[in-house]
C-alpha atoms as a PDB file:
ATOM      1  CA  UNK A   1     121.842  86.916 112.905  1.00  0.00           C
ATOM      2  CA  UNK A   2     119.963  83.906 114.079  1.00  0.00           C
ATOM      3  CA  UNK A   3     120.559  80.388 111.978  1.00  0.00           C
ATOM      4  CA  UNK A   4     118.213  78.129 113.539  1.00  0.00           C
ATOM      5  CA  UNK A   5     115.384  81.779 112.738  1.00  0.00           C
ATOM      6  CA  UNK A   6     116.613  81.291 109.114  1.00  0.00           C
ATOM      7  CA  UNK A   7     116.922  77.635 108.945  1.00  0.00           C
ATOM      8  CA  UNK A   8     113.187  78.212 109.607  1.00  0.00           C
ATOM      9  CA  UNK A   9     112.067  79.746 107.299  1.00  0.00           C
ATOM     10  CA  UNK A  10     113.710  77.796 104.555  1.00  0.00           C
ATOM     11  CA  UNK A  11     111.493  74.875 105.532  1.00  0.00           C
ATOM     12  CA  UNK A  12     108.755  77.169 106.025  1.00  0.00           C
ATOM     13  CA  UNK A  13     109.498  78.169 103.076  1.00  0.00           C
ATOM     14  CA  UNK A  14     109.356  75.179 101.181  1.00  0.00           C
ATOM     15  CA  UNK A  15     107.399  73.279 103.183  1.00  0.00           C
ATOM     16  CA  UNK A  16     104.396  76.556 102.227  1.00  0.00           C
ATOM     17  CA  UNK A  17     105.508  75.495  98.035  1.00  0.00           C
ATOM     18  CA  UNK A  18     104.990  71.909  98.366  1.00  0.00           C
ATOM     19  CA  UNK A  19     101.708  71.946 100.240  1.00  0.00           C
ATOM     20  CA  UNK A  20     100.450  74.878  97.619  1.00  0.00           C
ATOM     21  CA  UNK A  21     101.649  72.351  94.616  1.00  0.00           C
ATOM     22  CA  UNK A  22      99.413  69.553  96.724  1.00  0.00           C
ATOM     23  CA  UNK A  23      96.581  71.987  96.908  1.00  0.00           C
ATOM     24  CA  UNK A  24      96.918  72.907  93.219  1.00  0.00           C
ATOM     25  CA  UNK A  25      96.302  68.928  91.994  1.00  0.00           C
ATOM     26  CA  UNK A  26      93.422  67.416  95.152  1.00  0.00           C
ATOM     27  CA  UNK A  27      90.686  68.473  96.827  1.00  0.00           C
ATOM     28  CA  UNK A  28      91.951  68.341 100.663  1.00  0.00           C
ATOM     29  CA  UNK A  29      91.255  72.628 101.720  1.00  0.00           C
ATOM     30  CA  UNK A  30      93.998  71.372 104.564  1.00  0.00           C
ATOM     31  CA  UNK A  31      96.874  71.768 101.992  1.00  0.00           C
ATOM     32  CA  UNK A  32      96.129  74.331 101.028  1.00  0.00           C
ATOM     33  CA  UNK A  33      96.091  76.431 104.908  1.00  0.00           C
ATOM     34  CA  UNK A  34      99.210  74.413 105.519  1.00  0.00           C
ATOM     35  CA  UNK A  35     100.667  76.074 103.034  1.00  0.00           C
ATOM     36  CA  UNK A  36      99.000  79.301 104.091  1.00  0.00           C
ATOM     37  CA  UNK A  37     100.438  78.964 107.196  1.00  0.00           C
ATOM     38  CA  UNK A  38     104.097  78.278 106.254  1.00  0.00           C
ATOM     39  CA  UNK A  39     104.326  80.292 103.313  1.00  0.00           C
ATOM     40  CA  UNK A  40     102.875  83.326 106.238  1.00  0.00           C
ATOM     41  CA  UNK A  41     105.509  82.845 108.498  1.00  0.00           C
ATOM     42  CA  UNK A  42     108.226  81.911 106.832  1.00  0.00           C
ATOM     43  CA  UNK A  43     109.192  85.312 105.580  1.00  0.00           C
ATOM     44  CA  UNK A  44     108.703  86.303 109.007  1.00  0.00           C
ATOM     45  CA  UNK A  45     111.224  83.920 110.282  1.00  0.00           C
ATOM     46  CA  UNK A  46     112.981  85.482 108.093  1.00  0.00           C
ATOM     47  CA  UNK A  47     113.728  88.931 109.240  1.00  0.00           C
ATOM     48  CA  UNK A  48     113.322  88.158 112.850  1.00  0.00           C
ATOM     49  CA  UNK A  49     116.936  85.835 112.405  1.00  0.00           C
ATOM     50  CA  UNK A  50     118.307  88.552 109.339  1.00  0.00           C
ATOM     51  CA  UNK A  51     117.610  91.098 112.371  1.00  0.00           C
ATOM     52  CA  UNK A  52     118.361  89.443 115.646  1.00  0.00           C
ATOM     53  CA  UNK A  53     121.021  90.531 118.408  1.00  0.00           C
ATOM     54  CA  UNK A  54     122.112  89.378 121.267  1.00  0.00           C
ATOM     55  CA  UNK A  55     119.689  92.512 122.870  1.00  0.00           C
ATOM     56  CA  UNK A  56     116.639  90.560 121.941  1.00  0.00           C
ATOM     57  CA  UNK A  57     115.603  87.575 123.501  1.00  0.00           C
ATOM     58  CA  UNK A  58     112.327  88.656 123.824  1.00  0.00           C
ATOM     59  CA  UNK A  59     112.260  88.122 120.476  1.00  0.00           C
ATOM     60  CA  UNK A  60     113.777  84.888 120.183  1.00  0.00           C
ATOM     61  CA  UNK A  61     111.048  83.449 122.641  1.00  0.00           C
ATOM     62  CA  UNK A  62     108.512  85.170 120.156  1.00  0.00           C
ATOM     63  CA  UNK A  63     110.448  83.948 117.195  1.00  0.00           C
ATOM     64  CA  UNK A  64     110.334  80.156 118.537  1.00  0.00           C
ATOM     65  CA  UNK A  65     106.473  80.189 118.807  1.00  0.00           C
ATOM     66  CA  UNK A  66     106.066  80.732 115.831  1.00  0.00           C
ATOM     67  CA  UNK A  67     108.015  78.330 114.289  1.00  0.00           C
ATOM     68  CA  UNK A  68     106.924  75.465 116.939  1.00  0.00           C
ATOM     69  CA  UNK A  69     103.585  76.567 116.163  1.00  0.00           C
ATOM     70  CA  UNK A  70     103.452  76.587 112.218  1.00  0.00           C
ATOM     71  CA  UNK A  71     105.298  73.330 113.057  1.00  0.00           C
ATOM     72  CA  UNK A  72     102.599  72.133 114.566  1.00  0.00           C
ATOM     73  CA  UNK A  73      99.758  73.584 113.401  1.00  0.00           C
ATOM     74  CA  UNK A  74     100.663  72.900 109.929  1.00  0.00           C
ATOM     75  CA  UNK A  75     102.199  69.144 110.465  1.00  0.00           C
ATOM     76  CA  UNK A  76      98.717  68.413 112.378  1.00  0.00           C
ATOM     77  CA  UNK A  77      96.229  69.081 109.089  1.00  0.00           C
ATOM     78  CA  UNK A  78      99.153  67.070 107.148  1.00  0.00           C
ATOM     79  CA  UNK A  79      99.082  64.418 109.134  1.00  0.00           C
ATOM     80  CA  UNK A  80      95.696  64.408 108.878  1.00  0.00           C
ATOM     81  CA  UNK A  81      95.377  64.281 105.019  1.00  0.00           C
ATOM     82  CA  UNK A  82      98.546  61.446 105.656  1.00  0.00           C
ATOM     83  CA  UNK A  83      97.707  59.202 108.659  1.00  0.00           C
ATOM     84  CA  UNK A  84      94.459  59.996 108.949  1.00  0.00           C
ATOM     85  CA  UNK A  85      95.157  61.175 111.860  1.00  0.00           C
ATOM     86  CA  UNK A  86      95.772  63.869 114.029  1.00  0.00           C
ATOM     87  CA  UNK A  87      99.833  64.831 115.825  1.00  0.00           C
ATOM     88  CA  UNK A  88      98.002  64.768 119.027  1.00  0.00           C
ATOM     89  CA  UNK A  89      94.799  65.583 121.011  1.00  0.00           C
ATOM     90  CA  UNK A  90      94.577  69.847 120.274  1.00  0.00           C
ATOM     91  CA  UNK A  91      97.771  69.671 117.721  1.00  0.00           C
ATOM     92  CA  UNK A  92      95.666  72.257 115.516  1.00  0.00           C
ATOM     93  CA  UNK A  93      94.326  74.365 118.469  1.00  0.00           C
ATOM     94  CA  UNK A  94      97.733  74.635 120.750  1.00  0.00           C
ATOM     95  CA  UNK A  95     100.509  75.513 117.132  1.00  0.00           C
ATOM     96  CA  UNK A  96      97.501  78.635 116.374  1.00  0.00           C
ATOM     97  CA  UNK A  97      97.909  79.548 120.426  1.00  0.00           C
ATOM     98  CA  UNK A  98     101.572  79.563 119.843  1.00  0.00           C
ATOM     99  CA  UNK A  99     101.478  81.424 116.594  1.00  0.00           C
ATOM    100  CA  UNK A 100      99.233  83.989 118.278  1.00  0.00           C
ATOM    101  CA  UNK A 101     101.941  84.303 121.270  1.00  0.00           C
ATOM    102  CA  UNK A 102     104.501  84.245 119.105  1.00  0.00           C
ATOM    103  CA  UNK A 103     102.875  87.491 117.422  1.00  0.00           C
ATOM    104  CA  UNK A 104     101.979  89.028 120.091  1.00  0.00           C
ATOM    105  CA  UNK A 105     104.879  88.380 121.272  1.00  0.00           C
ATOM    106  CA  UNK A 106     106.914  90.377 119.101  1.00  0.00           C
ATOM    107  CA  UNK A 107     104.589  94.015 119.295  1.00  0.00           C
ATOM    108  CA  UNK A 108     105.636  92.685 123.138  1.00  0.00           C
ATOM    109  CA  UNK A 109     109.038  92.657 122.298  1.00  0.00           C
ATOM    110  CA  UNK A 110     109.223  95.720 119.840  1.00  0.00           C
ATOM    111  CA  UNK A 111     107.151  98.145 122.588  1.00  0.00           C
ATOM    112  CA  UNK A 112     110.113  96.911 124.656  1.00  0.00           C
ATOM    113  CA  UNK A 113     112.188  97.334 123.106  1.00  0.00           C
ATOM    114  CA  UNK A 114     111.941 101.418 121.778  1.00  0.00           C
ATOM    115  CA  UNK A 115     110.697 102.398 125.341  1.00  0.00           C
ATOM    116  CA  UNK A 116     114.229 101.069 126.723  1.00  0.00           C
ATOM    117  CA  UNK A 117     115.806 103.617 123.528  1.00  0.00           C
END
């Protein structure tokens, strides 16, 4: 079990529900987009945390990319609303690229584990 992934899953799930609730009470599309990202990735991080073993280092890197990506992407969208500016230039695209890399890493790790059997 990888506790950091479980913590990230819990935080992403909570953030997803909170932003979905905020989206229901505002006309800000950033809340809906952030909620979608948080809620879509929380189960993936939960699964990575619950199934982790010491032999799955590539999956750990993929999970790290997913966790960082969803945090940067979602928090950038929320920062635009609450603070009126981005976290940093190109934050949302950086977060998106990290999430894409994380998903590709999960696929690559699965292929590598299958070949090693």
